[in-house]
Protein backbone atom coordinates (compact mmCIF):
# COMPACT_ATOMS: atom_id res chain seq x y z
CA MET A 1 247.67 121.45 -23.68
CA LYS A 2 247.87 120.83 -27.41
CA ARG A 3 244.07 120.77 -27.68
CA SER A 4 243.82 124.10 -25.83
CA LEU A 5 246.44 125.62 -28.09
CA LEU A 6 244.68 124.31 -31.20
CA GLY A 7 241.34 125.60 -29.97
CA GLY A 8 242.86 129.02 -29.33
CA LEU A 9 244.32 129.13 -32.81
CA VAL A 10 240.96 128.19 -34.34
CA LEU A 11 239.18 130.92 -32.34
CA ALA A 12 241.81 133.44 -33.31
CA ALA A 13 241.46 132.50 -36.96
CA CYS A 14 237.67 132.80 -36.78
CA SER A 15 237.98 136.17 -35.06
CA THR A 16 240.37 137.44 -37.70
CA HIS A 17 238.11 136.24 -40.49
CA SER A 18 235.02 137.83 -38.99
CA PHE A 19 236.76 141.19 -38.87
CA ALA A 20 237.70 141.13 -42.55
CA LEU A 21 235.13 143.32 -44.29
CA ASN A 22 234.01 143.86 -47.86
CA ILE A 23 234.50 147.61 -48.24
CA LEU A 24 233.42 149.88 -51.09
CA LEU A 25 235.50 153.05 -51.39
CA VAL A 26 233.85 156.06 -53.05
CA ASN A 27 234.52 159.80 -53.12
CA ASP A 28 233.79 162.99 -55.05
CA ASP A 29 237.36 163.70 -56.21
CA GLY A 30 238.20 160.75 -58.48
CA LEU A 31 241.63 159.11 -58.32
CA THR A 32 243.59 160.82 -55.52
CA SER A 33 246.48 160.22 -53.15
CA ASN A 34 243.95 159.91 -50.32
CA ILE A 35 241.91 157.09 -51.83
CA LYS A 36 245.06 155.25 -52.97
CA ALA A 37 246.50 155.41 -49.44
CA LEU A 38 243.26 154.23 -47.83
CA TYR A 39 242.90 151.39 -50.34
CA ASP A 40 246.45 150.19 -49.56
CA GLU A 41 245.96 150.46 -45.79
CA LEU A 42 242.67 148.58 -45.80
CA LYS A 43 244.14 145.82 -47.97
CA ALA A 44 247.14 145.59 -45.64
CA ASN A 45 244.70 145.01 -42.77
CA GLY A 46 243.05 142.08 -44.52
CA HIS A 47 239.94 143.72 -45.93
CA SER A 48 238.52 143.11 -49.42
CA VAL A 49 238.28 146.50 -51.14
CA ALA A 50 236.61 147.80 -54.30
CA VAL A 51 236.72 151.38 -55.58
CA SER A 52 234.09 153.31 -57.56
CA VAL A 53 234.77 157.02 -58.05
CA PRO A 54 233.78 159.84 -60.40
CA CYS A 55 235.86 160.20 -63.56
CA SER A 56 236.51 163.88 -62.78
CA PRO A 57 236.54 165.97 -59.56
CA GLN A 58 232.95 166.63 -58.49
CA SER A 59 233.10 168.66 -55.27
CA GLY A 60 229.88 170.41 -54.28
CA ARG A 61 227.54 168.13 -56.27
CA GLY A 62 225.83 166.89 -53.11
CA GLY A 63 223.28 164.18 -53.89
CA ALA A 64 222.99 164.97 -57.61
CA ILE A 65 222.22 161.95 -59.83
CA VAL A 66 223.60 162.86 -63.27
CA MET A 67 225.58 161.01 -65.93
CA TYR A 68 227.73 163.30 -68.11
CA SER A 69 228.18 160.69 -70.81
CA PRO A 70 225.68 157.90 -71.56
CA THR A 71 228.03 155.85 -73.75
CA THR A 72 231.66 156.99 -73.81
CA ILE A 73 233.63 159.67 -71.95
CA SER A 74 233.38 163.00 -73.77
CA VAL A 75 233.85 166.66 -72.91
CA ASP A 76 230.34 167.68 -74.01
CA ASN A 77 228.89 167.99 -70.52
CA ASP A 78 232.05 167.97 -68.42
CA LYS A 79 234.80 170.38 -69.44
CA GLN A 80 236.90 169.34 -66.43
CA ILE A 81 238.24 166.32 -68.29
CA ALA A 82 239.47 168.34 -71.29
CA ALA A 83 242.65 169.53 -69.55
CA GLU A 84 243.63 165.97 -68.59
CA ASN A 85 242.37 164.32 -71.78
CA GLY A 86 240.25 162.01 -69.71
CA CYS A 87 239.55 161.09 -66.10
CA HIS A 88 241.44 162.72 -63.25
CA ASN A 89 245.05 161.60 -62.90
CA GLY A 90 244.83 159.29 -65.90
CA ALA A 91 242.25 156.81 -64.60
CA ALA A 92 240.76 156.41 -68.10
CA PRO A 93 240.98 158.36 -71.40
CA ILE A 94 238.38 160.28 -73.38
CA GLY A 95 236.55 157.74 -75.56
CA ALA A 96 236.56 155.01 -72.92
CA PRO A 97 233.18 153.65 -71.74
CA ALA A 98 231.21 156.04 -69.53
CA ALA A 99 231.58 153.53 -66.68
CA GLY A 100 234.11 150.78 -66.19
CA GLY A 101 237.49 149.75 -64.84
CA PHE A 102 240.55 151.99 -64.71
CA THR A 103 242.94 151.70 -67.64
CA LYS A 104 245.81 153.39 -65.78
CA THR A 105 248.83 151.15 -65.33
CA GLY A 106 248.90 149.66 -61.83
CA TYR A 107 245.14 150.02 -61.36
CA THR A 108 243.79 147.34 -63.70
CA ASN A 109 243.24 144.53 -61.18
CA GLY A 110 239.46 144.96 -61.32
CA ASN A 111 239.20 146.76 -57.97
CA TRP A 112 239.42 150.27 -59.44
CA ASN A 113 236.36 151.65 -61.24
CA TYR A 114 235.10 155.01 -62.47
CA VAL A 115 231.84 156.58 -63.64
CA HIS A 116 231.62 159.69 -65.80
CA GLY A 117 228.95 161.21 -63.63
CA THR A 118 228.29 162.73 -60.23
CA PRO A 119 229.57 161.12 -57.01
CA VAL A 120 226.25 159.44 -56.22
CA MET A 121 226.19 157.87 -59.68
CA ALA A 122 229.62 156.41 -59.00
CA THR A 123 228.40 155.12 -55.64
CA ALA A 124 225.33 153.56 -57.27
CA TYR A 125 227.58 151.85 -59.84
CA GLY A 126 229.75 150.58 -57.01
CA LEU A 127 226.78 149.11 -55.15
CA ASP A 128 224.78 147.75 -58.09
CA VAL A 129 227.55 146.59 -60.42
CA VAL A 130 231.00 146.48 -58.82
CA ALA A 131 229.99 144.97 -55.46
CA VAL A 132 227.74 142.37 -57.08
CA LYS A 133 230.55 141.34 -59.43
CA GLN A 134 233.21 141.23 -56.70
CA TRP A 135 231.27 139.83 -53.74
CA GLY A 136 227.90 138.76 -55.09
CA LYS A 137 226.18 141.02 -52.55
CA ALA A 138 226.21 144.48 -51.01
CA PRO A 139 229.40 145.59 -49.20
CA ASP A 140 229.67 145.44 -45.42
CA LEU A 141 230.76 149.07 -45.34
CA VAL A 142 230.93 152.13 -47.59
CA LEU A 143 233.71 154.66 -46.94
CA SER A 144 233.36 157.97 -48.79
CA GLY A 145 236.63 159.88 -49.15
CA PRO A 146 238.94 160.89 -47.70
CA ASN A 147 237.97 164.20 -49.28
CA GLU A 148 240.62 166.77 -50.18
CA GLY A 149 239.29 169.39 -47.77
CA GLN A 150 237.16 169.21 -44.63
CA ASN A 151 233.36 168.97 -44.74
CA VAL A 152 232.12 170.67 -41.59
CA GLY A 153 229.09 172.65 -40.51
CA LYS A 154 226.25 173.46 -42.87
CA VAL A 155 228.43 172.85 -45.94
CA VAL A 156 227.74 169.13 -45.52
CA VAL A 157 224.38 169.47 -47.30
CA HIS A 158 226.26 170.44 -50.49
CA SER A 159 229.03 167.87 -50.21
CA GLY A 160 229.39 164.99 -52.64
CA THR A 161 231.31 163.14 -49.93
CA ILE A 162 228.26 163.35 -47.69
CA GLY A 163 225.84 162.74 -50.55
CA ASN A 164 227.49 159.37 -51.13
CA VAL A 165 226.95 158.10 -47.58
CA GLN A 166 223.40 159.43 -47.45
CA PHE A 167 222.72 157.37 -50.58
CA SER A 168 224.36 154.16 -49.35
CA ALA A 169 223.15 154.46 -45.75
CA GLY A 170 219.65 154.98 -47.12
CA LYS A 171 219.97 151.46 -48.52
CA GLY A 172 220.77 150.13 -45.06
CA ILE A 173 224.55 149.84 -45.57
CA PRO A 174 226.86 151.13 -42.79
CA SER A 175 228.50 154.23 -44.25
CA ILE A 176 231.14 156.73 -43.11
CA ALA A 177 232.20 160.02 -44.69
CA LEU A 178 235.89 160.95 -44.36
CA SER A 179 237.40 164.37 -45.02
CA ALA A 180 241.04 165.48 -44.70
CA ASP A 181 242.85 168.76 -45.21
CA THR A 182 243.89 170.03 -48.63
CA ASN A 183 247.50 169.32 -47.62
CA THR A 184 246.82 165.72 -48.68
CA VAL A 185 246.68 166.59 -52.40
CA ASP A 186 249.34 164.99 -54.61
CA ASP A 187 248.41 164.74 -58.27
CA LYS A 188 252.01 164.04 -59.36
CA THR A 189 252.83 160.85 -57.50
CA LEU A 190 249.58 159.96 -55.65
CA ASN A 191 251.82 159.35 -52.65
CA ASN A 192 251.33 162.19 -50.15
CA ALA A 193 252.70 161.31 -46.70
CA ASN A 194 249.71 163.04 -45.06
CA SER A 195 247.36 160.73 -46.96
CA ALA A 196 249.05 157.74 -45.33
CA ILE A 197 248.44 159.16 -41.84
CA VAL A 198 244.77 159.77 -42.64
CA ALA A 199 244.48 156.18 -43.86
CA LYS A 200 246.07 154.73 -40.72
CA GLN A 201 243.87 156.80 -38.43
CA THR A 202 240.82 155.71 -40.41
CA VAL A 203 241.73 152.09 -39.71
CA VAL A 204 242.11 152.93 -35.98
CA LEU A 205 238.53 154.22 -36.02
CA LEU A 206 237.33 151.22 -37.98
CA LYS A 207 238.90 148.75 -35.54
CA GLU A 208 237.25 150.50 -32.61
CA LEU A 209 233.85 150.33 -34.28
CA GLN A 210 234.39 146.66 -35.14
CA GLY A 211 235.42 145.83 -31.60
CA LYS A 212 232.23 147.33 -30.21
CA ALA A 213 229.94 145.90 -32.91
CA GLY A 214 231.15 142.31 -32.61
CA GLN A 215 229.17 140.19 -35.07
CA GLY A 216 226.50 142.90 -35.47
CA PRO A 217 226.32 145.75 -37.98
CA LEU A 218 229.08 148.33 -37.76
CA LEU A 219 226.57 151.16 -37.30
CA PRO A 220 222.91 151.19 -36.22
CA LYS A 221 220.35 151.61 -38.97
CA GLY A 222 219.59 155.26 -39.70
CA ILE A 223 222.97 156.54 -38.47
CA THR A 224 225.97 157.51 -40.57
CA LEU A 225 229.19 159.22 -39.49
CA ASN A 226 230.99 162.34 -40.65
CA VAL A 227 234.72 162.25 -39.79
CA ASN A 228 237.01 165.25 -40.28
CA PHE A 229 240.78 165.16 -39.88
CA PRO A 230 242.70 168.32 -38.88
CA LYS A 231 245.44 169.93 -40.94
CA ASN A 232 248.24 169.08 -38.54
CA LEU A 233 247.30 165.41 -38.24
CA THR A 234 249.71 162.96 -36.62
CA SER A 235 249.47 159.32 -35.55
CA SER A 236 248.78 160.53 -32.00
CA THR A 237 246.05 163.08 -32.79
CA PRO A 238 243.08 162.20 -30.57
CA PHE A 239 239.54 161.48 -31.72
CA ALA A 240 236.77 163.63 -30.27
CA PHE A 241 232.98 163.67 -30.25
CA SER A 242 231.54 166.49 -32.31
CA ARG A 243 228.24 167.70 -33.74
CA ILE A 244 227.43 169.68 -36.86
CA GLY A 245 226.20 172.52 -34.66
CA THR A 246 225.87 176.21 -35.49
CA TYR A 247 229.52 177.25 -35.80
CA ASP A 248 230.65 177.41 -39.43
CA LEU A 249 234.16 178.17 -40.65
CA TYR A 250 232.82 179.08 -44.08
CA ASN A 251 230.12 181.54 -45.09
CA PHE A 252 229.38 180.63 -48.71
CA LYS A 253 227.82 183.22 -51.00
CA PHE A 254 227.31 184.07 -54.67
CA LYS A 255 230.35 185.96 -55.94
CA VAL A 256 230.48 188.52 -58.76
CA SER A 257 233.90 189.75 -59.84
CA LYS A 258 235.53 191.16 -62.98
CA ASP A 259 238.34 189.74 -65.07
CA ASP A 260 241.24 191.80 -66.48
CA LYS A 261 238.98 192.96 -69.34
CA GLY A 262 236.23 194.15 -67.02
CA VAL A 263 233.87 191.30 -67.88
CA ASN A 264 231.73 189.99 -65.03
CA GLN A 265 232.71 186.60 -63.62
CA TYR A 266 230.13 184.65 -61.63
CA GLY A 267 230.85 181.93 -59.14
CA LEU A 268 231.06 180.85 -55.52
CA GLY A 269 232.82 182.83 -52.85
CA TYR A 270 233.15 182.49 -49.10
CA ASP A 271 234.28 184.30 -45.98
CA ILE A 272 236.08 182.68 -43.06
CA ALA A 273 234.21 182.91 -39.76
CA PRO A 274 235.36 186.19 -38.14
CA ASN A 275 234.74 185.06 -34.56
CA ALA A 276 235.95 182.17 -32.48
CA PRO A 277 233.36 179.60 -31.38
CA THR A 278 231.45 180.34 -28.21
CA ALA A 279 231.51 177.96 -25.25
CA ALA A 280 228.22 176.48 -26.46
CA GLN A 281 229.83 175.78 -29.85
CA ALA A 282 232.95 174.09 -28.50
CA ALA A 283 231.74 170.65 -29.61
CA ASP A 284 230.84 171.76 -33.14
CA GLU A 285 232.73 170.07 -35.99
CA SER A 286 234.19 173.33 -37.24
CA ALA A 287 235.80 173.91 -33.84
CA VAL A 288 236.81 170.35 -32.94
CA MET A 289 238.47 169.47 -36.25
CA GLN A 290 241.02 172.28 -35.88
CA SER A 291 243.00 170.20 -33.40
CA LYS A 292 241.31 166.78 -33.11
CA ILE A 293 239.71 164.17 -35.36
CA ALA A 294 236.07 165.20 -35.24
CA VAL A 295 233.52 162.35 -35.35
CA THR A 296 229.88 163.32 -35.85
CA ALA A 297 226.74 161.20 -35.98
CA MET A 298 224.38 162.15 -38.81
CA GLN A 299 220.85 160.98 -39.49
CA VAL A 300 219.93 159.43 -42.81
CA ALA A 301 217.69 161.64 -45.00
CA TYR A 302 215.66 164.57 -43.64
CA ASP A 303 212.96 163.01 -41.47
CA GLN A 304 212.53 164.90 -38.20
CA ARG A 305 212.41 163.56 -34.65
CA PRO A 306 209.07 162.32 -33.23
CA ALA A 307 208.61 165.51 -31.17
CA ALA A 308 208.76 167.63 -34.32
CA GLN A 309 206.36 165.28 -36.09
CA GLU A 310 203.84 165.83 -33.29
CA TRP A 311 204.36 169.59 -33.47
CA LEU A 312 203.50 169.50 -37.18
CA LYS A 313 200.35 167.45 -36.57
CA ILE A 314 199.15 169.94 -33.98
CA ARG A 315 200.14 173.08 -35.88
CA LEU A 316 198.32 172.01 -39.06
CA LYS A 317 195.58 169.90 -37.51
CA ASN A 318 192.88 171.88 -39.31
CA LEU A 319 194.44 170.91 -42.65
CA PHE A 320 195.07 167.32 -41.63
CA LYS A 321 191.45 166.45 -40.83
């Protein structure tokens, strides 16, 4: 009886250990309530976590690979940091190295890192510098987000949140993009209650993936996930299959307006989809995420399916001789 009990304890311990992952957290928003909540929740569940985020908010940068400062943080190429006198929410001040550990009190344990560049540059720093220093190897998983706003439909091609996982998944690392509603923002205390719910539901998803993967990789090679949480998220909100599809909540367009002096102002505008999704669009992310947690499988990079490859060979066979 004692031997059986001991054996069970050993197996349980091994099982627990095998499910502890080395996780790199990245995003395109910098230091936020969402990433703080997810970091805390993952640590509470036994995972080893490192963070590498942009110094300043970088929404819409997609897969851009740009450093704004080659040596120290300055406002020359990134005016966003001028208002905060440094990185978002005090992560590091102007004049600090262009990449490094947070200087903000409470975030100096070596797990929190920033890069004064685009989201993908912060992800690259996390993979090539932070992960190597912390674990001596690549992470088991990259989680990008949770973003402060959903990334659904065709907007995903412009998203820094998505750009991060395309970059890391392209290196063969299981990667998941996470996006929540804007009601998770809290730049005063970094302690939004909605952020905590998003974090807990993320761990629910992670445990399910781990349970199915066993000792294998969390996701098959060439597949990454896009996960969108609805505005009215609760601990009982169900998960649902979704696809990027053709239904888009947002119709982005170039916007020209005038200020109070009549001077033209140029920027990005958008319209909300005027029509409800059709029956054929019911499984599209933009429809599903309005009431459920939408989980979508994405391919890595832009390579087409074999059928389309054959179509191209036939269509241009005279050129491909």
